[in-house]
N, C-alpha and C. Protein backbone atom coordinates (compact mmCIF):
# COMPACT_ATOMS: atom_id res chain seq x y z
N UNK A 1 -17.71 7.84 0.20
CA UNK A 1 -16.89 8.37 1.25
C UNK A 1 -15.58 8.87 0.67
N UNK A 2 -15.54 10.10 0.36
CA UNK A 2 -14.37 10.70 -0.26
C UNK A 2 -13.13 10.58 0.64
N UNK A 3 -13.32 10.56 1.93
CA UNK A 3 -12.18 10.51 2.84
C UNK A 3 -11.35 9.25 2.69
N UNK A 4 -11.91 8.20 2.12
CA UNK A 4 -11.19 6.94 1.98
C UNK A 4 -10.70 6.68 0.56
N UNK A 5 -10.70 7.68 -0.28
CA UNK A 5 -10.23 7.46 -1.64
C UNK A 5 -8.72 7.30 -1.66
N UNK A 6 -8.28 6.26 -2.35
CA UNK A 6 -6.86 5.98 -2.50
C UNK A 6 -6.52 5.88 -3.97
N UNK A 7 -5.38 6.42 -4.35
CA UNK A 7 -4.89 6.19 -5.69
C UNK A 7 -4.40 4.75 -5.78
N UNK A 8 -4.20 4.27 -7.01
CA UNK A 8 -3.78 2.87 -7.18
C UNK A 8 -2.45 2.59 -6.46
N UNK A 9 -1.47 3.45 -6.65
CA UNK A 9 -0.17 3.21 -6.02
C UNK A 9 -0.27 3.34 -4.50
N UNK A 10 -1.06 4.28 -4.01
CA UNK A 10 -1.26 4.39 -2.56
C UNK A 10 -1.85 3.11 -2.00
N UNK A 11 -2.81 2.56 -2.71
CA UNK A 11 -3.44 1.32 -2.26
C UNK A 11 -2.41 0.19 -2.22
N UNK A 12 -1.59 0.09 -3.25
CA UNK A 12 -0.56 -0.95 -3.30
C UNK A 12 0.41 -0.79 -2.14
N UNK A 13 0.84 0.44 -1.88
CA UNK A 13 1.79 0.69 -0.79
C UNK A 13 1.15 0.35 0.55
N UNK A 14 -0.07 0.77 0.77
CA UNK A 14 -0.76 0.50 2.02
C UNK A 14 -0.95 -1.00 2.23
N UNK A 15 -1.34 -1.71 1.19
CA UNK A 15 -1.48 -3.17 1.28
C UNK A 15 -0.14 -3.84 1.57
N UNK A 16 0.92 -3.34 0.96
CA UNK A 16 2.24 -3.92 1.16
C UNK A 16 2.73 -3.70 2.58
N UNK A 17 2.47 -2.53 3.13
CA UNK A 17 2.84 -2.28 4.53
C UNK A 17 2.09 -3.25 5.43
N UNK A 18 0.82 -3.50 5.13
CA UNK A 18 0.04 -4.45 5.93
C UNK A 18 0.61 -5.87 5.80
N UNK A 19 1.03 -6.25 4.60
CA UNK A 19 1.60 -7.58 4.38
C UNK A 19 2.89 -7.75 5.17
N UNK A 20 3.75 -6.73 5.13
CA UNK A 20 5.06 -6.81 5.80
C UNK A 20 4.97 -6.66 7.31
N UNK A 21 3.90 -6.07 7.78
CA UNK A 21 3.61 -5.89 9.19
C UNK A 21 4.77 -5.26 9.96
N UNK A 22 5.51 -6.04 10.72
CA UNK A 22 6.59 -5.51 11.57
C UNK A 22 7.87 -5.18 10.80
N UNK A 23 7.96 -5.60 9.54
CA UNK A 23 9.18 -5.41 8.76
C UNK A 23 8.97 -4.44 7.60
N UNK A 24 8.06 -3.50 7.75
CA UNK A 24 7.73 -2.57 6.66
C UNK A 24 8.57 -1.30 6.77
N UNK A 25 9.63 -1.24 6.00
CA UNK A 25 10.44 -0.03 5.88
C UNK A 25 10.73 0.16 4.39
N UNK A 26 11.27 1.31 4.02
CA UNK A 26 11.40 1.67 2.61
C UNK A 26 11.89 0.58 1.68
N UNK A 27 13.05 0.02 1.96
CA UNK A 27 13.64 -0.98 1.07
C UNK A 27 12.78 -2.24 1.01
N UNK A 28 12.28 -2.71 2.15
CA UNK A 28 11.48 -3.94 2.14
C UNK A 28 10.15 -3.73 1.41
N UNK A 29 9.57 -2.55 1.54
CA UNK A 29 8.31 -2.24 0.84
C UNK A 29 8.56 -2.24 -0.67
N UNK A 30 9.61 -1.57 -1.09
CA UNK A 30 9.98 -1.49 -2.52
C UNK A 30 10.20 -2.90 -3.08
N UNK A 31 10.99 -3.72 -2.38
CA UNK A 31 11.29 -5.07 -2.85
C UNK A 31 10.03 -5.93 -2.92
N UNK A 32 9.16 -5.81 -1.93
CA UNK A 32 7.93 -6.61 -1.89
C UNK A 32 7.02 -6.26 -3.07
N UNK A 33 6.87 -4.98 -3.35
CA UNK A 33 6.04 -4.56 -4.48
C UNK A 33 6.64 -5.07 -5.79
N UNK A 34 7.93 -4.90 -5.95
CA UNK A 34 8.58 -5.32 -7.19
C UNK A 34 8.50 -6.83 -7.38
N UNK A 35 8.64 -7.59 -6.30
CA UNK A 35 8.58 -9.05 -6.38
C UNK A 35 7.16 -9.53 -6.66
N UNK A 36 6.21 -9.03 -5.90
CA UNK A 36 4.82 -9.50 -6.05
C UNK A 36 4.17 -9.05 -7.35
N UNK A 37 4.42 -7.81 -7.75
CA UNK A 37 3.72 -7.25 -8.90
C UNK A 37 4.56 -7.19 -10.16
N UNK A 38 5.83 -7.61 -10.06
CA UNK A 38 6.72 -7.55 -11.23
C UNK A 38 6.68 -6.14 -11.82
N UNK A 39 6.82 -5.16 -10.95
CA UNK A 39 6.67 -3.76 -11.32
C UNK A 39 7.80 -2.97 -10.67
N UNK A 40 8.48 -2.15 -11.47
CA UNK A 40 9.57 -1.34 -10.95
C UNK A 40 9.00 -0.17 -10.14
N UNK A 41 9.64 0.11 -9.01
CA UNK A 41 9.20 1.19 -8.13
C UNK A 41 10.37 2.12 -7.87
N UNK A 42 10.19 3.40 -8.13
CA UNK A 42 11.26 4.36 -7.82
C UNK A 42 11.20 4.71 -6.34
N UNK A 43 12.36 4.95 -5.78
CA UNK A 43 12.44 5.30 -4.36
C UNK A 43 11.68 6.59 -4.10
N UNK A 44 11.80 7.56 -5.00
CA UNK A 44 11.12 8.84 -4.77
C UNK A 44 9.60 8.70 -4.81
N UNK A 45 9.08 7.89 -5.72
CA UNK A 45 7.63 7.67 -5.78
C UNK A 45 7.15 6.98 -4.51
N UNK A 46 7.92 6.01 -4.04
CA UNK A 46 7.55 5.30 -2.82
C UNK A 46 7.58 6.24 -1.62
N UNK A 47 8.62 7.03 -1.49
CA UNK A 47 8.73 7.96 -0.36
C UNK A 47 7.60 8.99 -0.38
N UNK A 48 7.25 9.46 -1.56
CA UNK A 48 6.14 10.42 -1.68
C UNK A 48 4.84 9.78 -1.22
N UNK A 49 4.59 8.54 -1.67
CA UNK A 49 3.36 7.84 -1.28
C UNK A 49 3.33 7.57 0.22
N UNK A 50 4.45 7.17 0.80
CA UNK A 50 4.51 6.91 2.23
C UNK A 50 4.22 8.18 3.03
N UNK A 51 4.82 9.30 2.63
CA UNK A 51 4.57 10.57 3.32
C UNK A 51 3.11 10.99 3.20
N UNK A 52 2.55 10.81 1.99
CA UNK A 52 1.15 11.19 1.76
C UNK A 52 0.21 10.33 2.60
N UNK A 53 0.47 9.03 2.67
CA UNK A 53 -0.36 8.13 3.47
C UNK A 53 -0.23 8.43 4.96
N UNK A 54 0.96 8.81 5.37
CA UNK A 54 1.15 9.18 6.78
C UNK A 54 0.42 10.48 7.09
N UNK A 55 0.47 11.43 6.18
CA UNK A 55 -0.22 12.71 6.36
C UNK A 55 -1.74 12.52 6.43
N UNK A 56 -2.25 11.57 5.64
CA UNK A 56 -3.69 11.27 5.66
C UNK A 56 -4.09 10.52 6.92
N UNK A 57 -3.11 10.01 7.67
CA UNK A 57 -3.40 9.26 8.89
C UNK A 57 -3.58 7.78 8.67
N UNK A 58 -3.23 7.28 7.48
CA UNK A 58 -3.39 5.86 7.17
C UNK A 58 -2.18 5.03 7.60
N UNK A 59 -1.05 5.70 7.78
CA UNK A 59 0.17 5.06 8.25
C UNK A 59 0.75 5.85 9.40
N UNK A 60 1.49 5.17 10.24
CA UNK A 60 2.31 5.86 11.23
C UNK A 60 3.69 5.25 11.13
N UNK A 61 4.69 6.02 11.53
CA UNK A 61 6.05 5.51 11.42
C UNK A 61 6.82 5.78 12.70
N UNK A 62 7.86 4.99 12.89
CA UNK A 62 8.80 5.22 13.98
C UNK A 62 10.14 4.66 13.57
N UNK A 63 11.18 5.14 14.23
CA UNK A 63 12.53 4.71 13.90
C UNK A 63 12.91 3.48 14.71
N UNK A 64 13.59 2.55 14.03
CA UNK A 64 14.15 1.39 14.71
C UNK A 64 15.50 1.77 15.30
N UNK A 65 16.16 0.78 15.84
CA UNK A 65 17.48 0.99 16.44
C UNK A 65 18.54 1.20 15.36
N UNK A 66 19.57 1.95 15.69
CA UNK A 66 20.70 2.13 14.79
C UNK A 66 21.47 0.82 14.70
N UNK A 67 21.97 0.52 13.50
CA UNK A 67 22.73 -0.71 13.32
C UNK A 67 24.06 -0.40 12.64
N UNK A 68 25.06 -1.20 12.94
CA UNK A 68 26.39 -1.03 12.34
C UNK A 68 26.34 -1.28 10.83
N UNK A 69 25.48 -2.20 10.41
CA UNK A 69 25.35 -2.53 8.99
C UNK A 69 24.95 -1.30 8.19
N UNK A 70 24.13 -0.46 8.76
CA UNK A 70 23.66 0.75 8.08
C UNK A 70 24.49 1.98 8.47
N UNK A 71 25.65 1.76 9.01
CA UNK A 71 26.51 2.88 9.40
C UNK A 71 25.91 3.73 10.50
N UNK A 72 25.14 3.13 11.37
CA UNK A 72 24.51 3.85 12.47
C UNK A 72 23.19 4.51 12.11
N UNK A 73 22.79 4.41 10.84
CA UNK A 73 21.53 5.01 10.42
C UNK A 73 20.35 4.11 10.81
N UNK A 74 19.30 4.74 11.30
CA UNK A 74 18.13 3.97 11.74
C UNK A 74 17.11 3.84 10.61
N UNK A 75 16.40 2.71 10.58
CA UNK A 75 15.33 2.49 9.60
C UNK A 75 14.06 3.13 10.12
N UNK A 76 13.25 3.65 9.19
CA UNK A 76 11.92 4.15 9.54
C UNK A 76 10.92 3.06 9.19
N UNK A 77 10.27 2.52 10.21
CA UNK A 77 9.28 1.46 10.04
C UNK A 77 7.88 2.06 9.97
N UNK A 78 7.04 1.45 9.15
CA UNK A 78 5.66 1.92 8.95
C UNK A 78 4.66 0.87 9.41
N UNK A 79 3.55 1.34 9.94
CA UNK A 79 2.43 0.47 10.33
C UNK A 79 1.13 1.10 9.85
N UNK A 80 0.18 0.23 9.52
CA UNK A 80 -1.15 0.68 9.10
C UNK A 80 -1.93 1.07 10.35
N UNK A 81 -2.57 2.23 10.30
CA UNK A 81 -3.39 2.70 11.41
C UNK A 81 -4.81 2.18 11.27
N UNK A 82 -5.63 2.46 12.27
CA UNK A 82 -7.05 2.09 12.21
C UNK A 82 -7.72 2.76 11.01
N UNK A 83 -7.39 4.02 10.76
CA UNK A 83 -7.95 4.74 9.60
C UNK A 83 -7.46 4.10 8.30
N UNK A 84 -6.21 3.65 8.28
CA UNK A 84 -5.68 2.97 7.10
C UNK A 84 -6.40 1.66 6.83
N UNK A 85 -6.69 0.92 7.88
CA UNK A 85 -7.44 -0.33 7.74
C UNK A 85 -8.85 -0.04 7.22
N UNK A 86 -9.47 1.02 7.72
CA UNK A 86 -10.80 1.41 7.24
C UNK A 86 -10.75 1.79 5.76
N UNK A 87 -9.70 2.49 5.37
CA UNK A 87 -9.55 2.88 3.96
C UNK A 87 -9.40 1.64 3.08
N UNK A 88 -8.61 0.67 3.53
CA UNK A 88 -8.45 -0.57 2.77
C UNK A 88 -9.76 -1.35 2.69
N UNK A 89 -10.47 -1.43 3.80
CA UNK A 89 -11.76 -2.13 3.82
C UNK A 89 -12.74 -1.48 2.85
N UNK A 90 -12.80 -0.15 2.90
CA UNK A 90 -13.71 0.59 2.02
C UNK A 90 -13.35 0.34 0.55
N UNK A 91 -12.07 0.41 0.24
CA UNK A 91 -11.61 0.20 -1.14
C UNK A 91 -11.95 -1.21 -1.61
N UNK A 92 -11.72 -2.20 -0.76
CA UNK A 92 -12.03 -3.58 -1.13
C UNK A 92 -13.52 -3.77 -1.36
N UNK A 93 -14.34 -3.25 -0.45
CA UNK A 93 -15.79 -3.37 -0.59
C UNK A 93 -16.28 -2.70 -1.86
N UNK A 94 -15.74 -1.53 -2.16
CA UNK A 94 -16.13 -0.80 -3.37
C UNK A 94 -15.78 -1.59 -4.62
N UNK A 95 -14.57 -2.10 -4.66
CA UNK A 95 -14.14 -2.88 -5.83
C UNK A 95 -14.96 -4.15 -5.98
N UNK A 96 -15.21 -4.85 -4.88
CA UNK A 96 -16.00 -6.08 -4.95
C UNK A 96 -17.43 -5.80 -5.41
N UNK A 97 -17.98 -4.68 -4.97
CA UNK A 97 -19.31 -4.28 -5.39
C UNK A 97 -19.35 -4.04 -6.91
N UNK A 98 -18.33 -3.40 -7.42
CA UNK A 98 -18.25 -3.16 -8.86
C UNK A 98 -18.06 -4.47 -9.62
N UNK A 99 -17.18 -5.34 -9.14
CA UNK A 99 -16.96 -6.61 -9.81
C UNK A 99 -18.24 -7.45 -9.85
N UNK A 100 -18.97 -7.47 -8.75
CA UNK A 100 -20.18 -8.29 -8.69
C UNK A 100 -21.31 -7.71 -9.53
N UNK A 101 -21.20 -6.45 -9.92
CA UNK A 101 -22.25 -5.81 -10.72
C UNK A 101 -22.08 -6.06 -12.22
N UNK A 102 -20.98 -6.66 -12.63
CA UNK A 102 -20.76 -6.93 -14.06
C UNK A 102 -21.66 -8.09 -14.49
N UNK A 103 -22.53 -7.83 -15.45
CA UNK A 103 -23.40 -8.93 -15.91
C UNK A 103 -22.60 -9.98 -16.68
N UNK A 104 -23.02 -11.24 -16.57
CA UNK A 104 -22.34 -12.33 -17.27
C UNK A 104 -22.33 -12.11 -18.78
N UNK A 105 -23.33 -11.44 -19.31
CA UNK A 105 -23.41 -11.21 -20.75
C UNK A 105 -22.21 -10.39 -21.22
N UNK A 106 -21.66 -9.58 -20.36
CA UNK A 106 -20.48 -8.79 -20.73
C UNK A 106 -19.35 -9.71 -21.11
N UNK A 107 -19.18 -10.79 -20.38
CA UNK A 107 -18.11 -11.73 -20.66
C UNK A 107 -18.37 -12.51 -21.96
N UNK A 108 -19.65 -12.73 -22.26
CA UNK A 108 -20.00 -13.42 -23.50
C UNK A 108 -19.57 -12.58 -24.71
N UNK A 109 -19.74 -11.27 -24.62
CA UNK A 109 -19.33 -10.38 -25.71
C UNK A 109 -17.81 -10.37 -25.84
N UNK A 110 -17.12 -10.53 -24.75
CA UNK A 110 -15.67 -10.50 -24.79
C UNK A 110 -15.10 -11.73 -25.48
N UNK A 111 -15.83 -12.83 -25.47
CA UNK A 111 -15.37 -14.07 -26.10
C UNK A 111 -15.53 -14.02 -27.61
N UNK A 112 -16.40 -13.17 -28.09
CA UNK A 112 -16.70 -13.15 -29.53
C UNK A 112 -15.57 -12.56 -30.35
């Protein structure tokens, strides 16, 4: 199913939005990825992935309320859509299928 193909970073972003659920906005997504994966994330790469996932229909976004802390600027919150959940399910099933297809003998060669 080509329609559900995700790049590695897209998959990570989509999973992170799902993890954060109601608190998924740019800064929180970036921090969560960096904390969980010990991996640096550029703001521009994250914004590009979020826009791409939204364009594919895997995410939807809306603005929260303006706050004084942010100088009146509103946060853009993201949520996983039904199509996004299907994409994650497909990706997980595909990966698990590949993992389960590795013969045990492969691991024996790796020990040598």
